[in-house]
């Protein structure tokens, strides 16, 4: 079993890894290594008190192969203005990446079409998500 602190964008996080997982990943858990941790957190609301029980450690250069690629989803009305569509497209192309970009379009009759962009893949990051939420509303943007 090991305890260690991680430096991340929001500050520091305390991590605990139990014997079986530690034995499996001890070569990866080295000072200075950049890794993804898969596990569960002890606190959901206060970042300062966050502690993670680590189940899996993934080196950054293997993360795409090991971790599921997420999808960026937005929901818009079919009557959305051309200007707003252009703004969404501009944001998406400025945040190009590997994640599928999915548009859930609500038709005039209330039905919904799911459109997966074949030309635009995006990078899922906080700035991009915030910009989309500001543009089309918080409840109309999600990652799955």
Protein backbone atom coordinates (compact mmCIF):
# COMPACT_ATOMS: atom_id res chain seq x y z
CA UNK A 1 0.00 0.00 0.00
CA UNK A 2 1.18 3.52 -0.76
CA UNK A 3 0.07 7.09 -0.19
CA UNK A 4 1.18 9.87 -2.50
CA UNK A 5 0.24 13.41 -3.48
CA UNK A 6 -0.47 14.45 -7.05
CA UNK A 7 -0.08 17.91 -8.49
CA UNK A 8 -2.89 18.71 -10.90
CA UNK A 9 -4.64 21.71 -12.43
CA UNK A 10 -6.73 22.39 -9.32
CA UNK A 11 -4.01 21.90 -6.71
CA UNK A 12 -2.99 18.70 -4.97
CA UNK A 13 -4.84 15.43 -4.53
CA UNK A 14 -4.00 12.71 -2.04
CA UNK A 15 -4.01 9.23 -3.54
CA UNK A 16 -3.98 5.82 -1.88
CA UNK A 17 -3.20 2.62 -3.73
CA UNK A 18 -3.59 -0.77 -2.06
CA UNK A 19 -1.12 -3.65 -2.20
CA UNK A 20 -2.46 -5.57 -5.23
CA UNK A 21 -2.73 -2.48 -7.43
CA UNK A 22 0.56 -1.09 -6.14
CA UNK A 23 2.41 -4.28 -7.08
CA UNK A 24 0.88 -4.15 -10.55
CA UNK A 25 1.77 -0.47 -11.21
CA UNK A 26 4.83 0.22 -9.03
CA UNK A 27 7.10 0.70 -12.07
CA UNK A 28 4.82 3.45 -13.39
CA UNK A 29 4.40 5.24 -10.05
CA UNK A 30 7.60 7.27 -10.12
CA UNK A 31 8.23 10.86 -9.15
CA UNK A 32 7.83 13.07 -12.23
CA UNK A 33 5.85 10.57 -14.32
CA UNK A 34 2.69 11.94 -15.90
CA UNK A 35 -0.13 9.44 -15.46
CA UNK A 36 -3.89 9.01 -15.49
CA UNK A 37 -5.44 7.49 -12.37
CA UNK A 38 -8.57 5.38 -12.51
CA UNK A 39 -10.41 4.91 -9.24
CA UNK A 40 -12.95 6.48 -6.95
CA UNK A 41 -12.93 9.71 -4.99
CA UNK A 42 -13.85 10.13 -1.35
CA UNK A 43 -15.32 13.62 -1.70
CA UNK A 44 -17.50 14.92 -4.51
CA UNK A 45 -17.82 18.61 -3.64
CA UNK A 46 -14.65 20.01 -2.03
CA UNK A 47 -11.56 19.75 -4.23
CA UNK A 48 -9.31 20.72 -1.31
CA UNK A 49 -10.35 17.55 0.55
CA UNK A 50 -10.17 15.22 -2.44
CA UNK A 51 -8.69 11.78 -1.87
CA UNK A 52 -8.57 9.10 -4.56
CA UNK A 53 -8.53 5.34 -4.05
CA UNK A 54 -6.49 4.24 -7.06
CA UNK A 55 -7.46 1.07 -8.94
CA UNK A 56 -5.44 1.58 -12.11
CA UNK A 57 -2.47 3.73 -13.20
CA UNK A 58 -2.10 4.50 -16.90
CA UNK A 59 1.02 6.14 -18.40
CA UNK A 60 0.12 9.23 -20.41
CA UNK A 61 1.48 7.76 -23.64
CA UNK A 62 -0.89 4.77 -23.36
CA UNK A 63 -3.98 6.64 -22.18
CA UNK A 64 -5.83 6.70 -25.51
CA UNK A 65 -5.43 2.97 -25.95
CA UNK A 66 -6.46 2.11 -22.41
CA UNK A 67 -9.12 4.68 -21.59
CA UNK A 68 -12.42 4.95 -23.43
CA UNK A 69 -12.55 7.85 -25.87
CA UNK A 70 -15.25 10.22 -24.73
CA UNK A 71 -17.76 11.99 -26.93
CA UNK A 72 -18.64 15.70 -26.92
CA UNK A 73 -22.41 16.19 -27.16
CA UNK A 74 -24.48 19.28 -27.83
CA UNK A 75 -28.22 19.75 -28.16
CA UNK A 76 -29.69 22.42 -30.43
CA UNK A 77 -33.05 23.23 -31.99
CA UNK A 78 -33.48 22.73 -35.73
CA UNK A 79 -34.39 26.43 -35.89
CA UNK A 80 -30.99 27.54 -34.56
CA UNK A 81 -29.63 30.53 -36.46
CA UNK A 82 -26.96 30.15 -39.10
CA UNK A 83 -24.77 32.57 -37.12
CA UNK A 84 -24.94 30.37 -34.01
CA UNK A 85 -24.17 27.26 -36.09
CA UNK A 86 -21.14 29.05 -37.50
CA UNK A 87 -20.00 29.99 -33.97
CA UNK A 88 -20.36 26.35 -32.85
CA UNK A 89 -18.44 25.15 -35.90
CA UNK A 90 -15.67 27.71 -35.32
CA UNK A 91 -15.33 26.67 -31.65
CA UNK A 92 -15.22 23.00 -32.62
CA UNK A 93 -12.59 23.47 -35.31
CA UNK A 94 -10.45 25.61 -32.98
CA UNK A 95 -10.57 22.73 -30.48
CA UNK A 96 -9.74 19.94 -32.90
CA UNK A 97 -8.88 16.59 -31.37
CA UNK A 98 -9.78 12.91 -31.30
CA UNK A 99 -13.23 12.89 -29.65
CA UNK A 100 -16.38 12.49 -31.74
CA UNK A 101 -18.54 15.64 -31.92
CA UNK A 102 -22.23 14.73 -31.70
CA UNK A 103 -25.13 17.08 -32.36
CA UNK A 104 -28.55 16.18 -30.96
CA UNK A 105 -30.95 18.22 -33.06
CA UNK A 106 -34.50 18.75 -31.85
CA UNK A 107 -36.86 18.92 -34.80
CA UNK A 108 -39.95 21.13 -34.96
CA UNK A 109 -42.19 18.13 -34.16
CA UNK A 110 -40.19 17.41 -30.95
CA UNK A 111 -38.34 14.39 -32.31
CA UNK A 112 -34.56 14.30 -32.02
CA UNK A 113 -31.88 13.41 -34.57
CA UNK A 114 -28.41 12.35 -33.47
CA UNK A 115 -25.79 13.56 -35.92
CA UNK A 116 -22.19 12.40 -35.60
CA UNK A 117 -19.86 14.78 -37.38
CA UNK A 118 -17.64 12.98 -39.87
CA UNK A 119 -15.50 16.07 -40.52
CA UNK A 120 -15.03 17.48 -37.02
CA UNK A 121 -13.46 15.70 -34.06
CA UNK A 122 -12.75 17.73 -30.94
CA UNK A 123 -10.50 17.92 -27.93
CA UNK A 124 -12.55 17.71 -24.74
CA UNK A 125 -11.23 20.37 -22.40
CA UNK A 126 -12.71 22.70 -19.79
CA UNK A 127 -12.26 25.84 -21.89
CA UNK A 128 -14.09 24.34 -24.88
CA UNK A 129 -16.91 23.02 -22.70
CA UNK A 130 -17.31 26.39 -20.97
CA UNK A 131 -17.38 28.26 -24.28
CA UNK A 132 -20.06 25.91 -25.65
CA UNK A 133 -22.14 26.21 -22.47
CA UNK A 134 -21.92 30.02 -22.67
CA UNK A 135 -23.04 29.87 -26.29
CA UNK A 136 -25.92 27.37 -26.17
CA UNK A 137 -26.71 26.87 -22.49
CA UNK A 138 -25.31 24.65 -19.75
CA UNK A 139 -27.93 21.90 -20.09
CA UNK A 140 -27.21 21.60 -23.82
CA UNK A 141 -23.58 20.48 -23.51
CA UNK A 142 -22.28 17.22 -22.03
CA UNK A 143 -19.54 14.64 -22.30
CA UNK A 144 -20.42 10.95 -22.48
